Amino acid sequence: MTVTQQRSTVASGRRSRRAGRERGIGARLLSVVIGLVLLGGAVWLQTLHMAEGEITDPITYTGAKGEIVDARRFSLRLDSILAAKSIQSSMTTIGTDDVFLVVNVSAKSSLKPYHLAQPVLLTADGKRFDATDRVNDDLTMAASWVQPDIWRSGRFFFEVPPSALPGAHVEFGLSKGFVVEPYQPEVEVDLGLDDEGARKLVASPQDVYSTDKK
């Protein structure tokens, strides 16, 4: 009888220690879970408090006309610019009271094909001009696939007042899909136009710039 009681006491002690260990493991697991929940909540709250455009702000790589600007996913070179009084396509010619700026670029991608989006012209005083919608997209570089390691050339068109050109930059980015990726790369190129350069450019514009292939 005494031996039986001792065994029961030992077994009870073992069960007690085992239960204590299990409670300790459970408490630690619960602490980990609570920590992860709190961390996730903190990230969610931080996201809520971020400015609306902060998540989708691009990473900007800068350069000058004629330079190759490496934006990691794609590289771009602004080859040349010219001014024109009118743009001709097939049997249609459009004119302007301002000036058409034709921007010739070359681009290649790094890993997979991309489309470039229509660019934006940024003036020295912060005004933004979208590429003109009077020229069809399929006549611009936006219609071409930018291929890995193969340079492809094309053009974009702006319709702007001559006063917008001194100190202007052009921003190029990738075409956006249905899912907006955070921190997409963009290339910003200085056109290299001071007051004198802009004046010379618009003083002798091309009468008609044709988009037809020759």
N, C-alpha and C. Protein backbone atom coordinates (compact mmCIF):
# COMPACT_ATOMS: atom_id res chain seq x y z
N MET A 1 0.84 -1.20 0.00
CA MET A 1 0.00 0.00 0.00
C MET A 1 0.86 1.24 0.00
N THR A 2 1.91 1.18 0.75
CA THR A 2 2.81 2.33 0.81
C THR A 2 3.48 2.54 -0.52
N VAL A 3 3.90 1.44 -1.16
CA VAL A 3 4.56 1.53 -2.47
C VAL A 3 3.61 2.11 -3.49
N THR A 4 2.36 1.68 -3.48
CA THR A 4 1.36 2.20 -4.43
C THR A 4 1.17 3.69 -4.27
N GLN A 5 1.11 4.14 -3.03
CA GLN A 5 0.96 5.58 -2.77
C GLN A 5 2.16 6.35 -3.29
N GLN A 6 3.36 5.81 -3.15
CA GLN A 6 4.56 6.50 -3.63
C GLN A 6 4.54 6.62 -5.14
N ARG A 7 4.13 5.50 -5.82
CA ARG A 7 4.06 5.54 -7.28
C ARG A 7 3.03 6.57 -7.74
N SER A 8 1.91 6.63 -7.05
CA SER A 8 0.88 7.60 -7.40
C SER A 8 1.40 9.01 -7.23
N THR A 9 2.15 9.20 -6.16
CA THR A 9 2.71 10.53 -5.91
C THR A 9 3.70 10.92 -6.99
N VAL A 10 4.55 9.96 -7.41
CA VAL A 10 5.52 10.22 -8.46
C VAL A 10 4.82 10.52 -9.77
N ALA A 11 3.82 9.66 -10.11
CA ALA A 11 3.08 9.86 -11.35
C ALA A 11 2.38 11.20 -11.35
N SER A 12 1.81 11.55 -10.20
CA SER A 12 1.13 12.85 -10.10
C SER A 12 2.10 13.99 -10.31
N GLY A 13 3.30 13.85 -9.76
CA GLY A 13 4.31 14.89 -9.93
C GLY A 13 4.72 15.04 -11.38
N ARG A 14 4.86 13.87 -12.08
CA ARG A 14 5.22 13.92 -13.49
C ARG A 14 4.14 14.61 -14.30
N ARG A 15 2.85 14.23 -14.02
CA ARG A 15 1.75 14.86 -14.74
C ARG A 15 1.71 16.36 -14.48
N SER A 16 2.02 16.74 -13.26
CA SER A 16 2.00 18.16 -12.90
C SER A 16 3.07 18.92 -13.65
N ARG A 17 4.30 18.30 -13.71
CA ARG A 17 5.38 18.98 -14.43
C ARG A 17 5.07 19.06 -15.93
N ARG A 18 4.48 17.93 -16.49
CA ARG A 18 4.13 17.90 -17.90
C ARG A 18 3.08 18.96 -18.21
N ALA A 19 2.09 19.06 -17.36
CA ALA A 19 1.03 20.06 -17.56
C ALA A 19 1.60 21.46 -17.47
N GLY A 20 2.58 21.63 -16.53
CA GLY A 20 3.20 22.95 -16.42
C GLY A 20 3.96 23.33 -17.67
N ARG A 21 4.69 22.30 -18.23
CA ARG A 21 5.43 22.57 -19.47
C ARG A 21 4.47 22.89 -20.61
N GLU A 22 3.38 22.12 -20.70
CA GLU A 22 2.41 22.37 -21.77
C GLU A 22 1.78 23.76 -21.65
N ARG A 23 1.47 24.15 -20.38
CA ARG A 23 0.94 25.49 -20.19
C ARG A 23 1.96 26.55 -20.57
N GLY A 24 3.25 26.28 -20.28
CA GLY A 24 4.30 27.23 -20.63
C GLY A 24 4.45 27.37 -22.14
N ILE A 25 4.41 26.24 -22.86
CA ILE A 25 4.50 26.27 -24.32
C ILE A 25 3.29 26.99 -24.91
N GLY A 26 2.11 26.67 -24.36
CA GLY A 26 0.89 27.33 -24.84
C GLY A 26 0.94 28.83 -24.62
N ALA A 27 1.47 29.24 -23.47
CA ALA A 27 1.56 30.67 -23.18
C ALA A 27 2.52 31.37 -24.13
N ARG A 28 3.65 30.68 -24.44
CA ARG A 28 4.61 31.28 -25.36
C ARG A 28 4.01 31.39 -26.77
N LEU A 29 3.30 30.33 -27.21
CA LEU A 29 2.66 30.38 -28.53
C LEU A 29 1.62 31.49 -28.59
N LEU A 30 0.86 31.62 -27.50
CA LEU A 30 -0.15 32.68 -27.45
C LEU A 30 0.51 34.05 -27.52
N SER A 31 1.66 34.20 -26.85
CA SER A 31 2.38 35.47 -26.89
C SER A 31 2.86 35.80 -28.31
N VAL A 32 3.36 34.73 -29.01
CA VAL A 32 3.83 34.93 -30.39
C VAL A 32 2.67 35.36 -31.28
N VAL A 33 1.53 34.67 -31.14
CA VAL A 33 0.35 35.00 -31.95
C VAL A 33 -0.09 36.43 -31.69
N ILE A 34 -0.16 36.80 -30.41
CA ILE A 34 -0.57 38.17 -30.06
C ILE A 34 0.41 39.18 -30.64
N GLY A 35 1.72 38.86 -30.57
CA GLY A 35 2.73 39.76 -31.13
C GLY A 35 2.56 39.97 -32.62
N LEU A 36 2.30 38.86 -33.34
CA LEU A 36 2.10 38.96 -34.79
C LEU A 36 0.86 39.77 -35.12
N VAL A 37 -0.21 39.56 -34.34
CA VAL A 37 -1.44 40.33 -34.56
C VAL A 37 -1.20 41.81 -34.34
N LEU A 38 -0.48 42.12 -33.26
CA LEU A 38 -0.18 43.54 -32.96
C LEU A 38 0.70 44.15 -34.04
N LEU A 39 1.69 43.37 -34.54
CA LEU A 39 2.57 43.87 -35.58
C LEU A 39 1.77 44.14 -36.86
N GLY A 40 0.91 43.17 -37.23
CA GLY A 40 0.07 43.37 -38.41
C GLY A 40 -0.83 44.57 -38.27
N GLY A 41 -1.38 44.75 -37.07
CA GLY A 41 -2.23 45.91 -36.84
C GLY A 41 -1.47 47.21 -36.96
N ALA A 42 -0.23 47.22 -36.47
CA ALA A 42 0.58 48.44 -36.57
C ALA A 42 0.88 48.79 -38.01
N VAL A 43 1.22 47.75 -38.83
CA VAL A 43 1.48 47.99 -40.25
C VAL A 43 0.23 48.51 -40.94
N TRP A 44 -0.92 47.92 -40.60
CA TRP A 44 -2.20 48.34 -41.21
C TRP A 44 -2.51 49.78 -40.85
N LEU A 45 -2.30 50.14 -39.57
CA LEU A 45 -2.56 51.52 -39.15
C LEU A 45 -1.60 52.49 -39.83
N GLN A 46 -0.34 52.07 -39.99
CA GLN A 46 0.63 52.93 -40.67
C GLN A 46 0.21 53.17 -42.12
N THR A 47 -0.29 52.08 -42.77
CA THR A 47 -0.74 52.22 -44.15
C THR A 47 -1.91 53.17 -44.23
N LEU A 48 -2.83 53.11 -43.26
CA LEU A 48 -3.98 54.00 -43.27
C LEU A 48 -3.57 55.46 -43.15
N HIS A 49 -2.50 55.71 -42.41
CA HIS A 49 -2.06 57.08 -42.16
C HIS A 49 -1.12 57.61 -43.23
N MET A 50 -0.72 56.76 -44.19
CA MET A 50 0.14 57.24 -45.26
C MET A 50 -0.65 58.12 -46.20
N ALA A 51 0.01 59.10 -46.77
CA ALA A 51 -0.64 59.96 -47.75
C ALA A 51 -1.14 59.12 -48.91
N GLU A 52 -2.20 59.60 -49.57
CA GLU A 52 -2.86 58.81 -50.61
C GLU A 52 -1.90 58.37 -51.70
N GLY A 53 -1.01 59.26 -52.16
CA GLY A 53 -0.11 58.91 -53.26
C GLY A 53 1.21 58.33 -52.83
N GLU A 54 1.42 58.19 -51.50
CA GLU A 54 2.73 57.80 -51.01
C GLU A 54 3.11 56.38 -51.43
N ILE A 55 2.12 55.47 -51.41
CA ILE A 55 2.39 54.08 -51.75
C ILE A 55 2.72 53.93 -53.22
N THR A 56 2.07 54.72 -54.06
CA THR A 56 2.24 54.59 -55.51
C THR A 56 3.26 55.58 -56.07
N ASP A 57 3.95 56.32 -55.22
CA ASP A 57 4.98 57.25 -55.71
C ASP A 57 6.06 56.47 -56.45
N PRO A 58 6.49 56.97 -57.62
CA PRO A 58 7.53 56.25 -58.36
C PRO A 58 8.92 56.53 -57.81
N ILE A 59 9.87 55.69 -58.20
CA ILE A 59 11.28 55.94 -57.95
C ILE A 59 11.83 56.59 -59.22
N THR A 60 12.35 57.80 -59.09
CA THR A 60 12.74 58.60 -60.25
C THR A 60 14.25 58.53 -60.50
N TYR A 61 14.61 58.22 -61.75
CA TYR A 61 16.00 58.21 -62.20
C TYR A 61 16.15 59.36 -63.21
N THR A 62 17.15 60.18 -63.02
CA THR A 62 17.27 61.39 -63.82
C THR A 62 18.46 61.33 -64.78
N GLY A 63 18.36 62.12 -65.84
CA GLY A 63 19.45 62.21 -66.81
C GLY A 63 19.21 63.38 -67.74
N ALA A 64 20.07 63.51 -68.73
CA ALA A 64 20.00 64.60 -69.69
C ALA A 64 19.79 64.04 -71.10
N LYS A 65 19.39 64.90 -72.00
CA LYS A 65 19.18 64.50 -73.39
C LYS A 65 20.44 63.86 -73.95
N GLY A 66 20.30 62.70 -74.59
CA GLY A 66 21.44 61.98 -75.16
C GLY A 66 22.07 60.97 -74.24
N GLU A 67 21.73 61.01 -72.95
CA GLU A 67 22.29 60.05 -71.98
C GLU A 67 21.38 58.82 -71.85
N ILE A 68 21.99 57.67 -71.59
CA ILE A 68 21.22 56.47 -71.26
C ILE A 68 20.93 56.49 -69.77
N VAL A 69 19.64 56.47 -69.43
CA VAL A 69 19.24 56.48 -68.02
C VAL A 69 18.74 55.08 -67.67
N ASP A 70 19.42 54.43 -66.74
CA ASP A 70 19.08 53.07 -66.32
C ASP A 70 18.12 53.15 -65.14
N ALA A 71 16.86 52.72 -65.37
CA ALA A 71 15.85 52.72 -64.31
C ALA A 71 15.57 51.30 -63.81
N ARG A 72 16.56 50.42 -63.93
CA ARG A 72 16.51 49.03 -63.47
C ARG A 72 15.58 48.18 -64.35
N ARG A 73 14.30 48.43 -64.36
CA ARG A 73 13.41 47.61 -65.19
C ARG A 73 13.53 47.97 -66.67
N PHE A 74 13.88 49.21 -66.94
CA PHE A 74 14.06 49.63 -68.32
C PHE A 74 15.10 50.74 -68.38
N SER A 75 15.69 50.89 -69.56
CA SER A 75 16.63 51.99 -69.81
C SER A 75 16.06 52.84 -70.94
N LEU A 76 16.31 54.13 -70.85
CA LEU A 76 15.75 55.05 -71.86
C LEU A 76 16.77 56.12 -72.20
N ARG A 77 16.77 56.50 -73.48
CA ARG A 77 17.61 57.60 -73.95
C ARG A 77 16.74 58.54 -74.78
N LEU A 78 16.74 59.81 -74.42
CA LEU A 78 16.05 60.81 -75.23
C LEU A 78 17.02 61.26 -76.31
N ASP A 79 16.71 60.88 -77.57
CA ASP A 79 17.65 61.09 -78.66
C ASP A 79 17.62 62.51 -79.22
N SER A 80 16.41 63.04 -79.43
CA SER A 80 16.31 64.37 -80.04
C SER A 80 14.92 64.94 -79.82
N ILE A 81 14.81 66.23 -80.02
CA ILE A 81 13.52 66.91 -79.97
C ILE A 81 13.43 67.86 -81.16
N LEU A 82 12.22 68.13 -81.60
CA LEU A 82 12.02 69.14 -82.64
C LEU A 82 10.65 69.77 -82.45
N ALA A 83 10.48 70.94 -83.00
CA ALA A 83 9.22 71.66 -82.94
C ALA A 83 8.55 71.62 -84.30
N ALA A 84 7.23 71.58 -84.30
CA ALA A 84 6.48 71.55 -85.56
C ALA A 84 5.22 72.39 -85.43
N LYS A 85 4.79 72.94 -86.58
CA LYS A 85 3.54 73.70 -86.60
C LYS A 85 2.33 72.79 -86.75
N SER A 86 2.53 71.64 -87.38
CA SER A 86 1.42 70.72 -87.59
C SER A 86 1.94 69.28 -87.67
N ILE A 87 1.03 68.34 -87.42
CA ILE A 87 1.34 66.92 -87.47
C ILE A 87 0.45 66.28 -88.54
N GLN A 88 1.06 65.52 -89.41
CA GLN A 88 0.33 64.89 -90.51
C GLN A 88 0.37 63.37 -90.36
N SER A 89 -0.80 62.74 -90.51
CA SER A 89 -0.89 61.29 -90.47
C SER A 89 -1.88 60.85 -91.53
N SER A 90 -1.42 60.03 -92.47
CA SER A 90 -2.24 59.60 -93.61
C SER A 90 -2.79 60.83 -94.33
N MET A 91 -4.11 60.98 -94.33
CA MET A 91 -4.72 62.11 -95.03
C MET A 91 -5.13 63.23 -94.09
N THR A 92 -4.74 63.12 -92.81
CA THR A 92 -5.15 64.09 -91.80
C THR A 92 -3.98 64.93 -91.34
N THR A 93 -4.19 66.23 -91.25
CA THR A 93 -3.17 67.15 -90.73
C THR A 93 -3.81 68.00 -89.64
N ILE A 94 -3.17 68.06 -88.49
CA ILE A 94 -3.67 68.88 -87.39
C ILE A 94 -2.67 69.99 -87.11
N GLY A 95 -3.18 71.17 -86.85
CA GLY A 95 -2.34 72.31 -86.52
C GLY A 95 -2.54 72.75 -85.08
N THR A 96 -1.81 73.76 -84.66
CA THR A 96 -1.91 74.27 -83.30
C THR A 96 -1.57 75.75 -83.25
N ASP A 97 -2.17 76.44 -82.29
CA ASP A 97 -1.81 77.84 -82.04
C ASP A 97 -0.57 77.94 -81.16
N ASP A 98 -0.19 76.83 -80.56
CA ASP A 98 1.02 76.78 -79.72
C ASP A 98 2.16 76.16 -80.54
N VAL A 99 2.72 75.08 -80.04
CA VAL A 99 3.76 74.38 -80.79
C VAL A 99 3.68 72.90 -80.46
N PHE A 100 3.89 72.05 -81.46
CA PHE A 100 4.02 70.62 -81.21
C PHE A 100 5.49 70.33 -80.91
N LEU A 101 5.73 69.65 -79.81
CA LEU A 101 7.08 69.21 -79.48
C LEU A 101 7.14 67.71 -79.74
N VAL A 102 8.00 67.30 -80.66
CA VAL A 102 8.17 65.88 -80.99
C VAL A 102 9.41 65.37 -80.25
N VAL A 103 9.21 64.38 -79.40
CA VAL A 103 10.28 63.84 -78.57
C VAL A 103 10.63 62.44 -79.08
N ASN A 104 11.83 62.27 -79.59
CA ASN A 104 12.30 60.97 -80.11
C ASN A 104 13.12 60.26 -79.04
N VAL A 105 12.72 59.03 -78.74
CA VAL A 105 13.38 58.28 -77.67
C VAL A 105 13.74 56.87 -78.14
N SER A 106 14.68 56.26 -77.42
CA SER A 106 15.00 54.84 -77.59
C SER A 106 14.94 54.20 -76.20
N ALA A 107 14.48 52.95 -76.16
CA ALA A 107 14.33 52.28 -74.87
C ALA A 107 14.52 50.78 -75.02
N LYS A 108 14.91 50.15 -73.92
CA LYS A 108 14.96 48.69 -73.84
C LYS A 108 14.63 48.30 -72.41
N SER A 109 14.14 47.07 -72.23
CA SER A 109 13.82 46.58 -70.89
C SER A 109 14.94 45.66 -70.39
N SER A 110 14.81 45.23 -69.13
CA SER A 110 15.85 44.39 -68.54
C SER A 110 15.49 42.91 -68.55
N LEU A 111 14.26 42.58 -68.09
CA LEU A 111 13.92 41.17 -67.91
C LEU A 111 12.74 40.72 -68.77
N LYS A 112 11.76 41.58 -68.97
CA LYS A 112 10.58 41.19 -69.75
C LYS A 112 10.06 42.39 -70.52
N PRO A 113 9.20 42.17 -71.51
CA PRO A 113 8.70 43.29 -72.32
C PRO A 113 7.77 44.19 -71.51
N TYR A 114 7.81 45.47 -71.84
CA TYR A 114 6.93 46.47 -71.22
C TYR A 114 6.42 47.41 -72.31
N HIS A 115 5.33 48.09 -71.99
CA HIS A 115 4.90 49.25 -72.75
C HIS A 115 5.24 50.50 -71.94
N LEU A 116 5.75 51.53 -72.60
CA LEU A 116 5.91 52.82 -71.95
C LEU A 116 4.56 53.53 -71.93
N ALA A 117 4.30 54.25 -70.86
CA ALA A 117 3.12 55.09 -70.78
C ALA A 117 3.36 56.39 -71.55
N GLN A 118 2.29 57.09 -71.86
CA GLN A 118 2.45 58.43 -72.44
C GLN A 118 3.15 59.32 -71.40
N PRO A 119 4.17 60.06 -71.80
CA PRO A 119 4.96 60.83 -70.84
C PRO A 119 4.27 62.14 -70.43
N VAL A 120 4.92 62.82 -69.51
CA VAL A 120 4.44 64.11 -69.01
C VAL A 120 5.58 65.11 -69.11
N LEU A 121 5.27 66.32 -69.59
CA LEU A 121 6.26 67.40 -69.64
C LEU A 121 6.09 68.26 -68.39
N LEU A 122 7.18 68.43 -67.67
CA LEU A 122 7.19 69.20 -66.43
C LEU A 122 7.95 70.49 -66.66
N THR A 123 7.28 71.63 -66.45
CA THR A 123 7.92 72.92 -66.70
C THR A 123 8.78 73.35 -65.52
N ALA A 124 9.57 74.38 -65.74
CA ALA A 124 10.46 74.88 -64.69
C ALA A 124 9.69 75.39 -63.49
N ASP A 125 8.46 75.88 -63.70
CA ASP A 125 7.68 76.40 -62.58
C ASP A 125 6.66 75.38 -62.06
N GLY A 126 6.83 74.11 -62.44
CA GLY A 126 6.03 73.06 -61.83
C GLY A 126 4.74 72.70 -62.54
N LYS A 127 4.45 73.31 -63.67
CA LYS A 127 3.24 72.93 -64.42
C LYS A 127 3.48 71.59 -65.14
N ARG A 128 2.41 70.84 -65.34
CA ARG A 128 2.51 69.54 -65.98
C ARG A 128 1.64 69.51 -67.24
N PHE A 129 2.21 69.02 -68.33
CA PHE A 129 1.49 68.89 -69.59
C PHE A 129 1.52 67.42 -70.00
N ASP A 130 0.34 66.82 -70.14
CA ASP A 130 0.27 65.46 -70.67
C ASP A 130 0.60 65.46 -72.16
N ALA A 131 1.07 64.33 -72.64
CA ALA A 131 1.26 64.19 -74.08
C ALA A 131 -0.08 64.41 -74.77
N THR A 132 -0.05 65.02 -75.94
CA THR A 132 -1.30 65.38 -76.61
C THR A 132 -2.12 64.14 -76.98
N ASP A 133 -3.43 64.25 -76.81
CA ASP A 133 -4.31 63.16 -77.22
C ASP A 133 -4.84 63.39 -78.64
N ARG A 134 -4.31 64.39 -79.33
CA ARG A 134 -4.72 64.65 -80.71
C ARG A 134 -3.95 63.77 -81.70
N VAL A 135 -2.91 63.13 -81.21
CA VAL A 135 -2.16 62.16 -82.01
C VAL A 135 -2.46 60.77 -81.44
N ASN A 136 -2.91 59.86 -82.28
CA ASN A 136 -3.29 58.53 -81.81
C ASN A 136 -2.13 57.81 -81.14
N ASP A 137 -2.47 57.04 -80.11
CA ASP A 137 -1.45 56.28 -79.37
C ASP A 137 -0.65 55.34 -80.28
N ASP A 138 -1.32 54.78 -81.28
CA ASP A 138 -0.62 53.80 -82.12
C ASP A 138 0.43 54.43 -83.02
N LEU A 139 0.51 55.77 -83.02
CA LEU A 139 1.56 56.46 -83.76
C LEU A 139 2.73 56.85 -82.85
N THR A 140 2.64 56.45 -81.61
CA THR A 140 3.65 56.83 -80.63
C THR A 140 4.40 55.60 -80.12
N MET A 141 5.42 55.86 -79.34
CA MET A 141 6.23 54.78 -78.74
C MET A 141 5.41 53.94 -77.77
N ALA A 142 4.31 54.49 -77.26
CA ALA A 142 3.47 53.76 -76.30
C ALA A 142 2.88 52.50 -76.91
N ALA A 143 2.77 52.45 -78.24
CA ALA A 143 2.19 51.28 -78.90
C ALA A 143 3.20 50.16 -79.11
N SER A 144 4.47 50.42 -78.87
CA SER A 144 5.53 49.44 -79.13
C SER A 144 5.91 48.71 -77.85
N TRP A 145 6.22 47.41 -77.99
CA TRP A 145 6.77 46.67 -76.86
C TRP A 145 8.25 47.04 -76.70
N VAL A 146 8.63 47.40 -75.49
CA VAL A 146 10.03 47.61 -75.16
C VAL A 146 10.59 46.25 -74.74
N GLN A 147 11.53 45.73 -75.53
CA GLN A 147 12.00 44.36 -75.37
C GLN A 147 13.29 44.29 -74.56
N PRO A 148 13.54 43.14 -73.91
CA PRO A 148 14.80 42.98 -73.16
C PRO A 148 16.03 43.07 -74.07
N ASP A 149 16.93 43.96 -73.72
CA ASP A 149 18.24 44.09 -74.35
C ASP A 149 18.19 44.43 -75.84
N ILE A 150 17.05 44.88 -76.34
CA ILE A 150 16.94 45.30 -77.74
C ILE A 150 16.43 46.74 -77.77
N TRP A 151 17.24 47.64 -78.28
CA TRP A 151 16.83 49.03 -78.34
C TRP A 151 15.73 49.21 -79.38
N ARG A 152 14.67 49.90 -78.97
CA ARG A 152 13.58 50.22 -79.88
C ARG A 152 13.36 51.73 -79.83
N SER A 153 13.15 52.33 -80.97
CA SER A 153 13.01 53.79 -81.06
C SER A 153 11.58 54.17 -81.43
N GLY A 154 11.18 55.33 -80.98
CA GLY A 154 9.84 55.85 -81.28
C GLY A 154 9.75 57.30 -80.87
N ARG A 155 8.53 57.83 -80.84
CA ARG A 155 8.36 59.25 -80.56
C ARG A 155 7.10 59.47 -79.74
N PHE A 156 7.10 60.62 -79.07
CA PHE A 156 5.95 61.10 -78.34
C PHE A 156 5.69 62.55 -78.76
N PHE A 157 4.46 63.01 -78.53
CA PHE A 157 4.07 64.34 -79.01
C PHE A 157 3.44 65.15 -77.87
N PHE A 158 3.89 66.39 -77.75
CA PHE A 158 3.28 67.35 -76.83
C PHE A 158 2.77 68.55 -77.61
N GLU A 159 1.73 69.15 -77.11
CA GLU A 159 1.23 70.41 -77.65
C GLU A 159 1.27 71.42 -76.50
N VAL A 160 2.23 72.33 -76.55
CA VAL A 160 2.47 73.22 -75.41
C VAL A 160 2.73 74.65 -75.90
N PRO A 161 2.54 75.63 -75.03
CA PRO A 161 2.96 77.00 -75.38
C PRO A 161 4.47 77.10 -75.36
N PRO A 162 5.06 77.92 -76.20
CA PRO A 162 6.53 78.05 -76.21
C PRO A 162 7.11 78.43 -74.85
N SER A 163 6.33 79.14 -74.04
CA SER A 163 6.82 79.56 -72.72
C SER A 163 7.05 78.39 -71.78
N ALA A 164 6.52 77.20 -72.11
CA ALA A 164 6.68 76.02 -71.25
C ALA A 164 8.02 75.33 -71.45
N LEU A 165 8.76 75.68 -72.49
CA LEU A 165 9.94 74.90 -72.86
C LEU A 165 11.22 75.22 -72.09
N PRO A 166 11.53 76.48 -71.77
CA PRO A 166 12.79 76.72 -71.04
C PRO A 166 12.82 75.98 -69.69
N GLY A 167 13.86 75.19 -69.49
CA GLY A 167 14.01 74.46 -68.23
C GLY A 167 13.11 73.25 -68.09
N ALA A 168 12.46 72.82 -69.16
CA ALA A 168 11.49 71.72 -69.07
C ALA A 168 12.17 70.36 -68.96
N HIS A 169 11.47 69.44 -68.31
CA HIS A 169 11.87 68.04 -68.21
C HIS A 169 10.72 67.18 -68.73
N VAL A 170 11.03 65.97 -69.16
CA VAL A 170 10.00 65.02 -69.56
C VAL A 170 10.13 63.77 -68.70
N GLU A 171 9.00 63.32 -68.15
CA GLU A 171 8.97 62.14 -67.30
C GLU A 171 8.39 60.96 -68.07
N PHE A 172 9.12 59.85 -68.06
CA PHE A 172 8.71 58.63 -68.75
C PHE A 172 8.52 57.52 -67.72
N GLY A 173 7.44 56.76 -67.85
CA GLY A 173 7.19 55.65 -66.95
C GLY A 173 6.61 54.47 -67.70
N LEU A 174 6.36 53.40 -66.97
CA LEU A 174 5.79 52.19 -67.55
C LEU A 174 4.27 52.29 -67.55
N SER A 175 3.68 51.66 -68.54
CA SER A 175 2.21 51.62 -68.60
C SER A 175 1.68 50.86 -67.39
N LYS A 176 0.65 51.39 -66.76
CA LYS A 176 0.10 50.79 -65.55
C LYS A 176 -0.94 49.74 -65.91
N GLY A 177 -0.89 48.61 -65.21
CA GLY A 177 -1.86 47.55 -65.42
C GLY A 177 -3.04 47.71 -64.48
N PHE A 178 -3.83 46.62 -64.36
CA PHE A 178 -4.97 46.64 -63.47
C PHE A 178 -4.53 46.73 -62.01
N VAL A 179 -3.38 46.11 -61.70
CA VAL A 179 -2.84 46.17 -60.34
C VAL A 179 -1.74 47.23 -60.32
N VAL A 180 -1.90 48.23 -59.46
CA VAL A 180 -0.91 49.29 -59.36
C VAL A 180 0.23 48.83 -58.46
N GLU A 181 1.41 48.71 -59.02
CA GLU A 181 2.57 48.29 -58.25
C GLU A 181 3.16 49.48 -57.51
N PRO A 182 3.61 49.27 -56.27
CA PRO A 182 4.25 50.37 -55.55
C PRO A 182 5.65 50.66 -56.08
N TYR A 183 6.01 51.92 -56.06
CA TYR A 183 7.37 52.35 -56.38
C TYR A 183 7.84 51.92 -57.76
N GLN A 184 6.99 52.12 -58.77
CA GLN A 184 7.43 51.84 -60.13
C GLN A 184 8.51 52.83 -60.54
N PRO A 185 9.46 52.42 -61.38
CA PRO A 185 10.51 53.33 -61.80
C PRO A 185 10.00 54.31 -62.86
N GLU A 186 10.58 55.49 -62.87
CA GLU A 186 10.33 56.45 -63.94
C GLU A 186 11.64 57.14 -64.28
N VAL A 187 11.73 57.64 -65.50
CA VAL A 187 12.92 58.36 -65.96
C VAL A 187 12.53 59.81 -66.22
N GLU A 188 13.30 60.71 -65.66
CA GLU A 188 13.07 62.14 -65.88
C GLU A 188 14.28 62.71 -66.62
N VAL A 189 14.02 63.29 -67.79
CA VAL A 189 15.10 63.76 -68.66
C VAL A 189 15.00 65.27 -68.83
N ASP A 190 16.11 65.94 -68.59
CA ASP A 190 16.22 67.37 -68.83
C ASP A 190 16.37 67.61 -70.33
N LEU A 191 15.48 68.41 -70.90
CA LEU A 191 15.55 68.68 -72.33
C LEU A 191 16.74 69.55 -72.71
N GLY A 192 17.38 70.18 -71.74
CA GLY A 192 18.55 71.00 -72.02
C GLY A 192 18.23 72.31 -72.71
N LEU A 193 17.03 72.83 -72.48
CA LEU A 193 16.62 74.07 -73.12
C LEU A 193 16.63 75.23 -72.13
N ASP A 194 17.53 76.18 -72.36
CA ASP A 194 17.44 77.43 -71.62
C ASP A 194 16.58 78.39 -72.43
N ASP A 195 16.50 79.64 -72.01
CA ASP A 195 15.65 80.61 -72.72
C ASP A 195 16.08 80.74 -74.19
N GLU A 196 17.39 80.84 -74.43
CA GLU A 196 17.89 81.01 -75.79
C GLU A 196 17.63 79.76 -76.63
N GLY A 197 17.88 78.58 -76.05
CA GLY A 197 17.67 77.34 -76.78
C GLY A 197 16.21 77.13 -77.14
N ALA A 198 15.31 77.45 -76.21
CA ALA A 198 13.88 77.31 -76.48
C ALA A 198 13.44 78.29 -77.55
N ARG A 199 13.99 79.48 -77.52
CA ARG A 199 13.63 80.50 -78.51
C ARG A 199 14.07 80.07 -79.91
N LYS A 200 15.26 79.52 -80.02
CA LYS A 200 15.73 79.03 -81.32
C LYS A 200 14.89 77.86 -81.84
N LEU A 201 14.49 76.98 -80.91
CA LEU A 201 13.71 75.80 -81.30
C LEU A 201 12.37 76.20 -81.91
N VAL A 202 11.68 77.13 -81.26
CA VAL A 202 10.34 77.51 -81.74
C VAL A 202 10.39 78.56 -82.84
N ALA A 203 11.56 79.18 -83.04
CA ALA A 203 11.67 80.21 -84.09
C ALA A 203 11.69 79.60 -85.48
N SER A 204 12.13 78.34 -85.58
CA SER A 204 12.19 77.69 -86.90
C SER A 204 11.57 76.29 -86.83
N PRO A 205 10.27 76.21 -86.53
CA PRO A 205 9.64 74.89 -86.43
C PRO A 205 9.44 74.26 -87.81
N GLN A 206 9.34 72.96 -87.83
CA GLN A 206 9.04 72.25 -89.06
C GLN A 206 7.58 72.55 -89.43
N ASP A 207 7.32 72.88 -90.69
CA ASP A 207 5.96 73.22 -91.09
C ASP A 207 5.02 72.06 -90.88
N VAL A 208 5.40 70.88 -91.38
CA VAL A 208 4.56 69.69 -91.24
C VAL A 208 5.46 68.52 -90.83
N TYR A 209 5.14 67.90 -89.70
CA TYR A 209 5.86 66.70 -89.31
C TYR A 209 4.97 65.51 -89.67
N SER A 210 5.48 64.60 -90.49
CA SER A 210 4.69 63.46 -90.94
C SER A 210 5.02 62.23 -90.10
N THR A 211 3.97 61.54 -89.67
CA THR A 211 4.13 60.29 -88.92
C THR A 211 4.12 59.08 -89.83
N ASP A 212 3.89 59.29 -91.12
CA ASP A 212 3.86 58.18 -92.07
C ASP A 212 5.24 57.60 -92.25
N LYS A 213 5.33 56.28 -92.32
CA LYS A 213 6.61 55.62 -92.53
C LYS A 213 7.09 55.88 -93.94
N LYS A 214 8.39 56.12 -94.05
CA LYS A 214 8.97 56.40 -95.38
C LYS A 214 9.76 55.20 -95.88
